[in-house]
Amino acid sequence: PKSEKMSEPKYQTLLKENMGAFKLDNNQGKVSIIAGEFNGIKGPAST
């Protein structure tokens, strides 16, 4: 966003084991949440 373009730079290492995890019904697959939210489970990224 325009208001954040001059913010202090930063870096995030987001490891697989720290991702949000959601298993789909009936063993259909899984969702790994990096940023934001999925079915109430949040990802670790600061955005």
ModelCIF file with pLDDT and N, C-alpha, C, O atoms, coordinates in Angstrom:
data_MODEL
#
_entry.id   MODEL 
#
_entity.id                         1 
_entity.type                       polymer 
_entity.pdbx_number_of_molecules   1 
#
_entity_poly.entity_id                      1 
_entity_poly.type                           'polypeptide(L)' 
_entity_poly.nstd_linkage                   no 
_entity_poly.nstd_monomer                   no 
_entity_poly.pdbx_seq_one_letter_code       PKSEKMSEPKYQTLLKENMGAFKLDNNQGKVSIIAGEFNGIKGPAST 
_entity_poly.pdbx_seq_one_letter_code_can   PKSEKMSEPKYQTLLKENMGAFKLDNNQGKVSIIAGEFNGIKGPAST 
_entity_poly.pdbx_strand_id                 A 
#
loop_
_entity_poly_seq.entity_id 
_entity_poly_seq.num 
_entity_poly_seq.mon_id 
_entity_poly_seq.hetero 
1 1  PRO n 
1 2  LYS n 
1 3  SER n 
1 4  GLU n 
1 5  LYS n 
1 6  MET n 
1 7  SER n 
1 8  GLU n 
1 9  PRO n 
1 10 LYS n 
1 11 TYR n 
1 12 GLN n 
1 13 THR n 
1 14 LEU n 
1 15 LEU n 
1 16 LYS n 
1 17 GLU n 
1 18 ASN n 
1 19 MET n 
1 20 GLY n 
1 21 ALA n 
1 22 PHE n 
1 23 LYS n 
1 24 LEU n 
1 25 ASP n 
1 26 ASN n 
1 27 ASN n 
1 28 GLN n 
1 29 GLY n 
1 30 LYS n 
1 31 VAL n 
1 32 SER n 
1 33 ILE n 
1 34 ILE n 
1 35 ALA n 
1 36 GLY n 
1 37 GLU n 
1 38 PHE n 
1 39 ASN n 
1 40 GLY n 
1 41 ILE n 
1 42 LYS n 
1 43 GLY n 
1 44 PRO n 
1 45 ALA n 
1 46 SER n 
1 47 THR n 
#
_struct_asym.id          A 
_struct_asym.entity_id   1 
#
loop_
_ma_qa_metric.id 
_ma_qa_metric.mode 
_ma_qa_metric.name 
_ma_qa_metric.software_group_id 
_ma_qa_metric.type 
1 global pLDDT . pLDDT 
2 local  pLDDT . pLDDT 
#
_ma_qa_metric_global.metric_id      1 
_ma_qa_metric_global.metric_value   96.51 
_ma_qa_metric_global.model_id       1 
_ma_qa_metric_global.ordinal_id     1 
#
loop_
_ma_qa_metric_local.label_asym_id 
_ma_qa_metric_local.label_comp_id 
_ma_qa_metric_local.label_seq_id 
_ma_qa_metric_local.metric_id 
_ma_qa_metric_local.metric_value 
_ma_qa_metric_local.model_id 
_ma_qa_metric_local.ordinal_id 
A PRO 1  2 95.00 1 1  
A LYS 2  2 95.00 1 2  
A SER 3  2 96.00 1 3  
A GLU 4  2 97.00 1 4  
A LYS 5  2 97.00 1 5  
A MET 6  2 97.00 1 6  
A SER 7  2 97.00 1 7  
A GLU 8  2 97.00 1 8  
A PRO 9  2 97.00 1 9  
A LYS 10 2 97.00 1 10 
A TYR 11 2 98.00 1 11 
A GLN 12 2 98.00 1 12 
A THR 13 2 97.00 1 13 
A LEU 14 2 98.00 1 14 
A LEU 15 2 98.00 1 15 
A LYS 16 2 97.00 1 16 
A GLU 17 2 97.00 1 17 
A ASN 18 2 98.00 1 18 
A MET 19 2 98.00 1 19 
A GLY 20 2 98.00 1 20 
A ALA 21 2 97.00 1 21 
A PHE 22 2 97.00 1 22 
A LYS 23 2 96.00 1 23 
A LEU 24 2 96.00 1 24 
A ASP 25 2 94.00 1 25 
A ASN 26 2 93.00 1 26 
A ASN 27 2 93.00 1 27 
A GLN 28 2 96.00 1 28 
A GLY 29 2 97.00 1 29 
A LYS 30 2 97.00 1 30 
A VAL 31 2 97.00 1 31 
A SER 32 2 98.00 1 32 
A ILE 33 2 98.00 1 33 
A ILE 34 2 98.00 1 34 
A ALA 35 2 97.00 1 35 
A GLY 36 2 95.00 1 36 
A GLU 37 2 94.00 1 37 
A PHE 38 2 95.00 1 38 
A ASN 39 2 93.00 1 39 
A GLY 40 2 93.00 1 40 
A ILE 41 2 96.00 1 41 
A LYS 42 2 97.00 1 42 
A GLY 43 2 98.00 1 43 
A PRO 44 2 98.00 1 44 
A ALA 45 2 98.00 1 45 
A SER 46 2 97.00 1 46 
A THR 47 2 96.00 1 47 
#
loop_
_atom_site.group_PDB 
_atom_site.id 
_atom_site.type_symbol 
_atom_site.label_atom_id 
_atom_site.label_alt_id 
_atom_site.label_comp_id 
_atom_site.label_asym_id 
_atom_site.label_entity_id 
_atom_site.label_seq_id 
_atom_site.pdbx_PDB_ins_code 
_atom_site.Cartn_x 
_atom_site.Cartn_y 
_atom_site.Cartn_z 
_atom_site.occupancy 
_atom_site.B_iso_or_equiv 
_atom_site.pdbx_formal_charge 
_atom_site.auth_seq_id 
_atom_site.auth_comp_id 
_atom_site.auth_asym_id 
_atom_site.auth_atom_id 
_atom_site.pdbx_PDB_model_num 
ATOM 1   N N  . PRO A 1 1  ? 0.843   -1.202  0.000  1.00 95.00 ? 1  PRO A N  1 
ATOM 2   C CA . PRO A 1 1  ? 0.000   0.000   0.000  1.00 95.00 ? 1  PRO A CA 1 
ATOM 3   C C  . PRO A 1 1  ? 0.876   1.250   0.000  1.00 95.00 ? 1  PRO A C  1 
ATOM 4   O O  . PRO A 1 1  ? 1.986   1.236   0.532  1.00 95.00 ? 1  PRO A O  1 
ATOM 5   N N  . LYS A 1 2  ? 0.382   2.313   -0.589 1.00 95.00 ? 2  LYS A N  1 
ATOM 6   C CA . LYS A 1 2  ? 1.150   3.557   -0.683 1.00 95.00 ? 2  LYS A CA 1 
ATOM 7   C C  . LYS A 1 2  ? 1.666   4.006   0.669  1.00 95.00 ? 2  LYS A C  1 
ATOM 8   O O  . LYS A 1 2  ? 2.785   4.508   0.775  1.00 95.00 ? 2  LYS A O  1 
ATOM 9   N N  . SER A 1 3  ? 0.865   3.832   1.694  1.00 96.00 ? 3  SER A N  1 
ATOM 10  C CA . SER A 1 3  ? 1.234   4.304   3.034  1.00 96.00 ? 3  SER A CA 1 
ATOM 11  C C  . SER A 1 3  ? 2.367   3.483   3.663  1.00 96.00 ? 3  SER A C  1 
ATOM 12  O O  . SER A 1 3  ? 2.963   3.904   4.654  1.00 96.00 ? 3  SER A O  1 
ATOM 13  N N  . GLU A 1 4  ? 2.663   2.306   3.082  1.00 97.00 ? 4  GLU A N  1 
ATOM 14  C CA . GLU A 1 4  ? 3.656   1.414   3.678  1.00 97.00 ? 4  GLU A CA 1 
ATOM 15  C C  . GLU A 1 4  ? 4.928   1.276   2.842  1.00 97.00 ? 4  GLU A C  1 
ATOM 16  O O  . GLU A 1 4  ? 5.847   0.549   3.218  1.00 97.00 ? 4  GLU A O  1 
ATOM 17  N N  . LYS A 1 5  ? 4.977   1.974   1.710  1.00 97.00 ? 5  LYS A N  1 
ATOM 18  C CA . LYS A 1 5  ? 6.107   1.781   0.792  1.00 97.00 ? 5  LYS A CA 1 
ATOM 19  C C  . LYS A 1 5  ? 7.451   2.209   1.387  1.00 97.00 ? 5  LYS A C  1 
ATOM 20  O O  . LYS A 1 5  ? 8.497   1.716   0.963  1.00 97.00 ? 5  LYS A O  1 
ATOM 21  N N  . MET A 1 6  ? 7.434   3.107   2.348  1.00 97.00 ? 6  MET A N  1 
ATOM 22  C CA . MET A 1 6  ? 8.683   3.552   2.967  1.00 97.00 ? 6  MET A CA 1 
ATOM 23  C C  . MET A 1 6  ? 8.885   2.933   4.350  1.00 97.00 ? 6  MET A C  1 
ATOM 24  O O  . MET A 1 6  ? 9.646   3.452   5.166  1.00 97.00 ? 6  MET A O  1 
ATOM 25  N N  . SER A 1 7  ? 8.198   1.821   4.604  1.00 97.00 ? 7  SER A N  1 
ATOM 26  C CA . SER A 1 7  ? 8.391   1.111   5.872  1.00 97.00 ? 7  SER A CA 1 
ATOM 27  C C  . SER A 1 7  ? 9.782   0.495   5.922  1.00 97.00 ? 7  SER A C  1 
ATOM 28  O O  . SER A 1 7  ? 10.473  0.403   4.907  1.00 97.00 ? 7  SER A O  1 
ATOM 29  N N  . GLU A 1 8  ? 10.178  0.077   7.113  1.00 97.00 ? 8  GLU A N  1 
ATOM 30  C CA . GLU A 1 8  ? 11.468  -0.596  7.282  1.00 97.00 ? 8  GLU A CA 1 
ATOM 31  C C  . GLU A 1 8  ? 11.418  -1.977  6.614  1.00 97.00 ? 8  GLU A C  1 
ATOM 32  O O  . GLU A 1 8  ? 10.474  -2.735  6.839  1.00 97.00 ? 8  GLU A O  1 
ATOM 33  N N  . PRO A 1 9  ? 12.414  -2.305  5.802  1.00 97.00 ? 9  PRO A N  1 
ATOM 34  C CA . PRO A 1 9  ? 12.447  -3.635  5.178  1.00 97.00 ? 9  PRO A CA 1 
ATOM 35  C C  . PRO A 1 9  ? 12.514  -4.744  6.239  1.00 97.00 ? 9  PRO A C  1 
ATOM 36  O O  . PRO A 1 9  ? 13.022  -4.535  7.340  1.00 97.00 ? 9  PRO A O  1 
ATOM 37  N N  . LYS A 1 10 ? 11.994  -5.918  5.886  1.00 97.00 ? 10 LYS A N  1 
ATOM 38  C CA . LYS A 1 10 ? 12.091  -7.055  6.803  1.00 97.00 ? 10 LYS A CA 1 
ATOM 39  C C  . LYS A 1 10 ? 12.056  -8.361  6.005  1.00 97.00 ? 10 LYS A C  1 
ATOM 40  O O  . LYS A 1 10 ? 11.806  -8.368  4.800  1.00 97.00 ? 10 LYS A O  1 
ATOM 41  N N  . TYR A 1 11 ? 12.311  -9.454  6.708  1.00 98.00 ? 11 TYR A N  1 
ATOM 42  C CA . TYR A 1 11 ? 12.403  -10.757 6.061  1.00 98.00 ? 11 TYR A CA 1 
ATOM 43  C C  . TYR A 1 11 ? 11.792  -11.815 6.974  1.00 98.00 ? 11 TYR A C  1 
ATOM 44  O O  . TYR A 1 11 ? 12.008  -11.801 8.186  1.00 98.00 ? 11 TYR A O  1 
ATOM 45  N N  . GLN A 1 12 ? 11.027  -12.734 6.381  1.00 98.00 ? 12 GLN A N  1 
ATOM 46  C CA . GLN A 1 12 ? 10.423  -13.817 7.143  1.00 98.00 ? 12 GLN A CA 1 
ATOM 47  C C  . GLN A 1 12 ? 10.768  -15.158 6.488  1.00 98.00 ? 12 GLN A C  1 
ATOM 48  O O  . GLN A 1 12 ? 10.518  -15.356 5.299  1.00 98.00 ? 12 GLN A O  1 
ATOM 49  N N  . THR A 1 13 ? 11.337  -16.069 7.264  1.00 97.00 ? 13 THR A N  1 
ATOM 50  C CA . THR A 1 13 ? 11.483  -17.457 6.823  1.00 97.00 ? 13 THR A CA 1 
ATOM 51  C C  . THR A 1 13 ? 10.318  -18.228 7.409  1.00 97.00 ? 13 THR A C  1 
ATOM 52  O O  . THR A 1 13 ? 10.208  -18.365 8.628  1.00 97.00 ? 13 THR A O  1 
ATOM 53  N N  . LEU A 1 14 ? 9.449   -18.731 6.548  1.00 98.00 ? 14 LEU A N  1 
ATOM 54  C CA . LEU A 1 14 ? 8.243   -19.434 6.985  1.00 98.00 ? 14 LEU A CA 1 
ATOM 55  C C  . LEU A 1 14 ? 8.417   -20.917 6.676  1.00 98.00 ? 14 LEU A C  1 
ATOM 56  O O  . LEU A 1 14 ? 8.369   -21.320 5.514  1.00 98.00 ? 14 LEU A O  1 
ATOM 57  N N  . LEU A 1 15 ? 8.617   -21.726 7.709  1.00 98.00 ? 15 LEU A N  1 
ATOM 58  C CA . LEU A 1 15 ? 8.905   -23.140 7.521  1.00 98.00 ? 15 LEU A CA 1 
ATOM 59  C C  . LEU A 1 15 ? 7.628   -23.970 7.412  1.00 98.00 ? 15 LEU A C  1 
ATOM 60  O O  . LEU A 1 15 ? 6.588   -23.624 7.971  1.00 98.00 ? 15 LEU A O  1 
ATOM 61  N N  . LYS A 1 16 ? 7.737   -25.058 6.687  1.00 97.00 ? 16 LYS A N  1 
ATOM 62  C CA . LYS A 1 16 ? 6.592   -25.936 6.406  1.00 97.00 ? 16 LYS A CA 1 
ATOM 63  C C  . LYS A 1 16 ? 5.852   -26.335 7.671  1.00 97.00 ? 16 LYS A C  1 
ATOM 64  O O  . LYS A 1 16 ? 4.622   -26.337 7.712  1.00 97.00 ? 16 LYS A O  1 
ATOM 65  N N  . GLU A 1 17 ? 6.626   -26.676 8.718  1.00 97.00 ? 17 GLU A N  1 
ATOM 66  C CA . GLU A 1 17 ? 5.990   -27.177 9.943  1.00 97.00 ? 17 GLU A CA 1 
ATOM 67  C C  . GLU A 1 17 ? 5.220   -26.098 10.702 1.00 97.00 ? 17 GLU A C  1 
ATOM 68  O O  . GLU A 1 17 ? 4.434   -26.411 11.596 1.00 97.00 ? 17 GLU A O  1 
ATOM 69  N N  . ASN A 1 18 ? 5.443   -24.828 10.349 1.00 98.00 ? 18 ASN A N  1 
ATOM 70  C CA . ASN A 1 18 ? 4.742   -23.742 11.033 1.00 98.00 ? 18 ASN A CA 1 
ATOM 71  C C  . ASN A 1 18 ? 3.539   -23.215 10.257 1.00 98.00 ? 18 ASN A C  1 
ATOM 72  O O  . ASN A 1 18 ? 2.849   -22.305 10.717 1.00 98.00 ? 18 ASN A O  1 
ATOM 73  N N  . MET A 1 19 ? 3.289   -23.787 9.077  1.00 98.00 ? 19 MET A N  1 
ATOM 74  C CA . MET A 1 19 ? 2.140   -23.347 8.286  1.00 98.00 ? 19 MET A CA 1 
ATOM 75  C C  . MET A 1 19 ? 0.837   -23.794 8.939  1.00 98.00 ? 19 MET A C  1 
ATOM 76  O O  . MET A 1 19 ? 0.787   -24.814 9.626  1.00 98.00 ? 19 MET A O  1 
ATOM 77  N N  . GLY A 1 20 ? -0.213  -23.014 8.712  1.00 98.00 ? 20 GLY A N  1 
ATOM 78  C CA . GLY A 1 20 ? -1.528  -23.488 9.115  1.00 98.00 ? 20 GLY A CA 1 
ATOM 79  C C  . GLY A 1 20 ? -1.895  -24.708 8.277  1.00 98.00 ? 20 GLY A C  1 
ATOM 80  O O  . GLY A 1 20 ? -1.532  -24.776 7.103  1.00 98.00 ? 20 GLY A O  1 
ATOM 81  N N  . ALA A 1 21 ? -2.599  -25.662 8.850  1.00 97.00 ? 21 ALA A N  1 
ATOM 82  C CA . ALA A 1 21 ? -2.926  -26.898 8.124  1.00 97.00 ? 21 ALA A CA 1 
ATOM 83  C C  . ALA A 1 21 ? -4.399  -27.235 8.294  1.00 97.00 ? 21 ALA A C  1 
ATOM 84  O O  . ALA A 1 21 ? -4.940  -27.180 9.398  1.00 97.00 ? 21 ALA A O  1 
ATOM 85  N N  . PHE A 1 22 ? -5.040  -27.586 7.183  1.00 97.00 ? 22 PHE A N  1 
ATOM 86  C CA . PHE A 1 22 ? -6.449  -27.979 7.222  1.00 97.00 ? 22 PHE A CA 1 
ATOM 87  C C  . PHE A 1 22 ? -6.638  -29.201 6.332  1.00 97.00 ? 22 PHE A C  1 
ATOM 88  O O  . PHE A 1 22 ? -6.312  -29.173 5.146  1.00 97.00 ? 22 PHE A O  1 
ATOM 89  N N  . LYS A 1 23 ? -7.173  -30.281 6.919  1.00 96.00 ? 23 LYS A N  1 
ATOM 90  C CA . LYS A 1 23 ? -7.451  -31.491 6.146  1.00 96.00 ? 23 LYS A CA 1 
ATOM 91  C C  . LYS A 1 23 ? -8.876  -31.432 5.615  1.00 96.00 ? 23 LYS A C  1 
ATOM 92  O O  . LYS A 1 23 ? -9.823  -31.201 6.366  1.00 96.00 ? 23 LYS A O  1 
ATOM 93  N N  . LEU A 1 24 ? -9.011  -31.644 4.321  1.00 96.00 ? 24 LEU A N  1 
ATOM 94  C CA . LEU A 1 24 ? -10.321 -31.609 3.699  1.00 96.00 ? 24 LEU A CA 1 
ATOM 95  C C  . LEU A 1 24 ? -11.122 -32.858 4.068  1.00 96.00 ? 24 LEU A C  1 
ATOM 96  O O  . LEU A 1 24 ? -10.556 -33.915 4.346  1.00 96.00 ? 24 LEU A O  1 
ATOM 97  N N  . ASP A 1 25 ? -12.452 -32.716 4.064  1.00 94.00 ? 25 ASP A N  1 
ATOM 98  C CA . ASP A 1 25 ? -13.332 -33.836 4.408  1.00 94.00 ? 25 ASP A CA 1 
ATOM 99  C C  . ASP A 1 25 ? -13.125 -35.007 3.463  1.00 94.00 ? 25 ASP A C  1 
ATOM 100 O O  . ASP A 1 25 ? -12.751 -34.836 2.303  1.00 94.00 ? 25 ASP A O  1 
ATOM 101 N N  . ASN A 1 26 ? -13.374 -36.192 3.983  1.00 93.00 ? 26 ASN A N  1 
ATOM 102 C CA . ASN A 1 26 ? -13.352 -37.425 3.183  1.00 93.00 ? 26 ASN A CA 1 
ATOM 103 C C  . ASN A 1 26 ? -12.001 -37.675 2.525  1.00 93.00 ? 26 ASN A C  1 
ATOM 104 O O  . ASN A 1 26 ? -11.922 -38.244 1.436  1.00 93.00 ? 26 ASN A O  1 
ATOM 105 N N  . ASN A 1 27 ? -10.944 -37.242 3.201  1.00 93.00 ? 27 ASN A N  1 
ATOM 106 C CA . ASN A 1 27 ? -9.581  -37.503 2.705  1.00 93.00 ? 27 ASN A CA 1 
ATOM 107 C C  . ASN A 1 27 ? -9.365  -36.997 1.278  1.00 93.00 ? 27 ASN A C  1 
ATOM 108 O O  . ASN A 1 27 ? -8.683  -37.641 0.481  1.00 93.00 ? 27 ASN A O  1 
ATOM 109 N N  . GLN A 1 28 ? -9.958  -35.823 0.959  1.00 96.00 ? 28 GLN A N  1 
ATOM 110 C CA . GLN A 1 28 ? -9.842  -35.282 -0.391 1.00 96.00 ? 28 GLN A CA 1 
ATOM 111 C C  . GLN A 1 28 ? -8.529  -34.546 -0.632 1.00 96.00 ? 28 GLN A C  1 
ATOM 112 O O  . GLN A 1 28 ? -8.165  -34.286 -1.779 1.00 96.00 ? 28 GLN A O  1 
ATOM 113 N N  . GLY A 1 29 ? -7.823  -34.210 0.433  1.00 97.00 ? 29 GLY A N  1 
ATOM 114 C CA . GLY A 1 29 ? -6.568  -33.483 0.287  1.00 97.00 ? 29 GLY A CA 1 
ATOM 115 C C  . GLY A 1 29 ? -6.335  -32.593 1.495  1.00 97.00 ? 29 GLY A C  1 
ATOM 116 O O  . GLY A 1 29 ? -6.966  -32.767 2.537  1.00 97.00 ? 29 GLY A O  1 
ATOM 117 N N  . LYS A 1 30 ? -5.431  -31.645 1.350  1.00 97.00 ? 30 LYS A N  1 
ATOM 118 C CA . LYS A 1 30 ? -5.122  -30.762 2.470  1.00 97.00 ? 30 LYS A CA 1 
ATOM 119 C C  . LYS A 1 30 ? -4.758  -29.372 1.961  1.00 97.00 ? 30 LYS A C  1 
ATOM 120 O O  . LYS A 1 30 ? -4.344  -29.194 0.815  1.00 97.00 ? 30 LYS A O  1 
ATOM 121 N N  . VAL A 1 31 ? -4.923  -28.399 2.845  1.00 97.00 ? 31 VAL A N  1 
ATOM 122 C CA . VAL A 1 31 ? -4.611  -27.010 2.537  1.00 97.00 ? 31 VAL A CA 1 
ATOM 123 C C  . VAL A 1 31 ? -3.547  -26.536 3.517  1.00 97.00 ? 31 VAL A C  1 
ATOM 124 O O  . VAL A 1 31 ? -3.713  -26.659 4.731  1.00 97.00 ? 31 VAL A O  1 
ATOM 125 N N  . SER A 1 32 ? -2.453  -25.993 2.987  1.00 98.00 ? 32 SER A N  1 
ATOM 126 C CA . SER A 1 32 ? -1.420  -25.378 3.804  1.00 98.00 ? 32 SER A CA 1 
ATOM 127 C C  . SER A 1 32 ? -1.594  -23.870 3.699  1.00 98.00 ? 32 SER A C  1 
ATOM 128 O O  . SER A 1 32 ? -1.518  -23.308 2.606  1.00 98.00 ? 32 SER A O  1 
ATOM 129 N N  . ILE A 1 33 ? -1.827  -23.215 4.827  1.00 98.00 ? 33 ILE A N  1 
ATOM 130 C CA . ILE A 1 33 ? -2.123  -21.781 4.830  1.00 98.00 ? 33 ILE A CA 1 
ATOM 131 C C  . ILE A 1 33 ? -0.838  -21.003 5.105  1.00 98.00 ? 33 ILE A C  1 
ATOM 132 O O  . ILE A 1 33 ? -0.262  -21.096 6.188  1.00 98.00 ? 33 ILE A O  1 
ATOM 133 N N  . ILE A 1 34 ? -0.399  -20.233 4.105  1.00 98.00 ? 34 ILE A N  1 
ATOM 134 C CA . ILE A 1 34 ? 0.806   -19.425 4.225  1.00 98.00 ? 34 ILE A CA 1 
ATOM 135 C C  . ILE A 1 34 ? 0.466   -18.060 4.820  1.00 98.00 ? 34 ILE A C  1 
ATOM 136 O O  . ILE A 1 34 ? 1.094   -17.607 5.778  1.00 98.00 ? 34 ILE A O  1 
ATOM 137 N N  . ALA A 1 35 ? -0.542  -17.416 4.232  1.00 97.00 ? 35 ALA A N  1 
ATOM 138 C CA . ALA A 1 35 ? -0.976  -16.087 4.681  1.00 97.00 ? 35 ALA A CA 1 
ATOM 139 C C  . ALA A 1 35 ? -2.490  -16.038 4.683  1.00 97.00 ? 35 ALA A C  1 
ATOM 140 O O  . ALA A 1 35 ? -3.150  -16.739 3.915  1.00 97.00 ? 35 ALA A O  1 
ATOM 141 N N  . GLY A 1 36 ? -3.032  -15.204 5.554  1.00 95.00 ? 36 GLY A N  1 
ATOM 142 C CA . GLY A 1 36 ? -4.484  -15.090 5.626  1.00 95.00 ? 36 GLY A CA 1 
ATOM 143 C C  . GLY A 1 36 ? -5.085  -16.218 6.442  1.00 95.00 ? 36 GLY A C  1 
ATOM 144 O O  . GLY A 1 36 ? -4.515  -16.660 7.440  1.00 95.00 ? 36 GLY A O  1 
ATOM 145 N N  . GLU A 1 37 ? -6.250  -16.675 5.997  1.00 94.00 ? 37 GLU A N  1 
ATOM 146 C CA . GLU A 1 37 ? -7.026  -17.625 6.805  1.00 94.00 ? 37 GLU A CA 1 
ATOM 147 C C  . GLU A 1 37 ? -7.814  -18.568 5.904  1.00 94.00 ? 37 GLU A C  1 
ATOM 148 O O  . GLU A 1 37 ? -8.258  -18.186 4.821  1.00 94.00 ? 37 GLU A O  1 
ATOM 149 N N  . PHE A 1 38 ? -7.978  -19.791 6.359  1.00 95.00 ? 38 PHE A N  1 
ATOM 150 C CA . PHE A 1 38 ? -8.809  -20.781 5.661  1.00 95.00 ? 38 PHE A CA 1 
ATOM 151 C C  . PHE A 1 38 ? -9.584  -21.557 6.708  1.00 95.00 ? 38 PHE A C  1 
ATOM 152 O O  . PHE A 1 38 ? -8.999  -22.227 7.559  1.00 95.00 ? 38 PHE A O  1 
ATOM 153 N N  . ASN A 1 39 ? -10.922 -21.462 6.640  1.00 93.00 ? 39 ASN A N  1 
ATOM 154 C CA . ASN A 1 39 ? -11.802 -22.164 7.587  1.00 93.00 ? 39 ASN A CA 1 
ATOM 155 C C  . ASN A 1 39 ? -11.378 -21.948 9.043  1.00 93.00 ? 39 ASN A C  1 
ATOM 156 O O  . ASN A 1 39 ? -11.378 -22.876 9.851  1.00 93.00 ? 39 ASN A O  1 
ATOM 157 N N  . GLY A 1 40 ? -11.021 -20.708 9.352  1.00 93.00 ? 40 GLY A N  1 
ATOM 158 C CA . GLY A 1 40 ? -10.687 -20.349 10.721 1.00 93.00 ? 40 GLY A CA 1 
ATOM 159 C C  . GLY A 1 40 ? -9.255  -20.616 11.122 1.00 93.00 ? 40 GLY A C  1 
ATOM 160 O O  . GLY A 1 40 ? -8.864  -20.296 12.245 1.00 93.00 ? 40 GLY A O  1 
ATOM 161 N N  . ILE A 1 41 ? -8.453  -21.198 10.228 1.00 96.00 ? 41 ILE A N  1 
ATOM 162 C CA . ILE A 1 41 ? -7.053  -21.478 10.524 1.00 96.00 ? 41 ILE A CA 1 
ATOM 163 C C  . ILE A 1 41 ? -6.186  -20.444 9.824  1.00 96.00 ? 41 ILE A C  1 
ATOM 164 O O  . ILE A 1 41 ? -6.325  -20.220 8.622  1.00 96.00 ? 41 ILE A O  1 
ATOM 165 N N  . LYS A 1 42 ? -5.294  -19.817 10.574 1.00 97.00 ? 42 LYS A N  1 
ATOM 166 C CA . LYS A 1 42 ? -4.487  -18.727 10.042 1.00 97.00 ? 42 LYS A CA 1 
ATOM 167 C C  . LYS A 1 42 ? -3.089  -19.200 9.652  1.00 97.00 ? 42 LYS A C  1 
ATOM 168 O O  . LYS A 1 42 ? -2.555  -20.155 10.217 1.00 97.00 ? 42 LYS A O  1 
ATOM 169 N N  . GLY A 1 43 ? -2.510  -18.503 8.668  1.00 98.00 ? 43 GLY A N  1 
ATOM 170 C CA . GLY A 1 43 ? -1.138  -18.752 8.268  1.00 98.00 ? 43 GLY A CA 1 
ATOM 171 C C  . GLY A 1 43 ? -0.178  -17.881 9.053  1.00 98.00 ? 43 GLY A C  1 
ATOM 172 O O  . GLY A 1 43 ? -0.605  -16.907 9.672  1.00 98.00 ? 43 GLY A O  1 
ATOM 173 N N  . PRO A 1 44 ? 1.117   -18.205 9.044  1.00 98.00 ? 44 PRO A N  1 
ATOM 174 C CA . PRO A 1 44 ? 2.091   -17.495 9.873  1.00 98.00 ? 44 PRO A CA 1 
ATOM 175 C C  . PRO A 1 44 ? 2.608   -16.183 9.291  1.00 98.00 ? 44 PRO A C  1 
ATOM 176 O O  . PRO A 1 44 ? 3.225   -15.402 10.015 1.00 98.00 ? 44 PRO A O  1 
ATOM 177 N N  . ALA A 1 45 ? 2.378   -15.917 8.007  1.00 98.00 ? 45 ALA A N  1 
ATOM 178 C CA . ALA A 1 45 ? 2.961   -14.721 7.382  1.00 98.00 ? 45 ALA A CA 1 
ATOM 179 C C  . ALA A 1 45 ? 2.363   -13.441 7.951  1.00 98.00 ? 45 ALA A C  1 
ATOM 180 O O  . ALA A 1 45 ? 1.150   -13.330 8.126  1.00 98.00 ? 45 ALA A O  1 
ATOM 181 N N  . SER A 1 46 ? 3.231   -12.483 8.236  1.00 97.00 ? 46 SER A N  1 
ATOM 182 C CA . SER A 1 46 ? 2.806   -11.132 8.601  1.00 97.00 ? 46 SER A CA 1 
ATOM 183 C C  . SER A 1 46 ? 2.724   -10.313 7.323  1.00 97.00 ? 46 SER A C  1 
ATOM 184 O O  . SER A 1 46 ? 3.725   -10.167 6.620  1.00 97.00 ? 46 SER A O  1 
ATOM 185 N N  . THR A 1 47 ? 1.550   -9.775  7.009  1.00 96.00 ? 47 THR A N  1 
ATOM 186 C CA . THR A 1 47 ? 1.343   -9.090  5.730  1.00 96.00 ? 47 THR A CA 1 
ATOM 187 C C  . THR A 1 47 ? 0.819   -7.674  5.924  1.00 96.00 ? 47 THR A C  1 
ATOM 188 O O  . THR A 1 47 ? 0.592   -6.961  4.947  1.00 96.00 ? 47 THR A O  1 
#
